[in-house]
Each structure stands twice: as structure tokens, then as C-alpha cells.
């Protein structure tokens, strides 16, 4: 997993947008973002152990690509890239391919996390973020859920949302 500040240019969201400034793992952890790599032969066992430890009961696998989504691919990729938050943790394990998760840091700058096969990310409830495929236009990811599968994005701004308030409190307490 490569982590760096987004260059904030308006070019295609699927490009790297690498500013050349890396973000160290401890800075990512201070945002409440957890990152793992499970690329060994026991990767699924590791993912399942983590899911059990965190109380995840459901999972599904989603493939995001022109071949799997057809005519709605471009529309969906643009929708995923709109800044939003969730009231639940967002946990994704990359089975194949690659993708970007952008999260806001404490100074409201975009931090870009480039995930490859074997990478797993946990975004805390209340963090502003967005997702994009890379220029490869392909990712297959496992989504894990504590309850029934749901994906309800709340677009920014929603700073009065209880989960956003709790998230901000948790990162400023560190």
C-alpha cells in the first residue's frame, strides 16, 4: 500500500495524483484508519480472523470494472468519488486489482491510499472519504459488514452528524 498526499489537480480521478509527499503509517493511524496486508497463502484466514475479532458477520465481493458493470461503470465510479462519510466502519479487502481511497486529514487535505491485491483497509465511521478505481479500471474487493450489508453515503457537508462529531473527537483526543 502506498500512501501520499493527493496533488489536488483536476485530472482524471483514476490517475495517481501523487504529490511526491509520502504520508507515514503513524499519521494514517492517527486518522483512525487501519491498514493491513494479507497477501500470503493464508490471506483469507487472516481476513476472517480480523472480521471475527471486530464483530463482522456478513461479507460480499464486488467487482468494479467496465466488463462487470457495463454502461453504468463510468456513472458509478464518479458516484463513489463524491466526498462522503458513513455511519459504520468501511472495511475493504482487495482480492484482485487496485484502487484508491482518499481520506481527509486533520488539516482537511486529501491523503491518497493506493490499495493493491492483499491490502485491507478499515475506515472509521464519520471520516470523510472517496473511492476510485485506478487507470486499470479493475478492482475486486471483499466488503465486510457488522450487520446486513448496506452502503449509505452521506455527502459532505454533514458536520453535525453524530458519527462525524464522535470521529472528530476521537482524532483530536490523540
Foldseek 3Di string as FASTA:
>chain_A
DFKAFACPDPPDPQAPSHPVGGDDPVQCVLLVKDKDFQPDPCLVVVVVVVCVVVQWDDKDKDKQACVVPPPCRVVVQVVQAFKFFAQAKKKKAWQAAKKWKWWQGPVRTTMIDIDHHRMMMIHGGQTIIGIHHHPVRITMMMTTHNDPDDDDTGGPPPCVDPRNVVSVVSSVVD
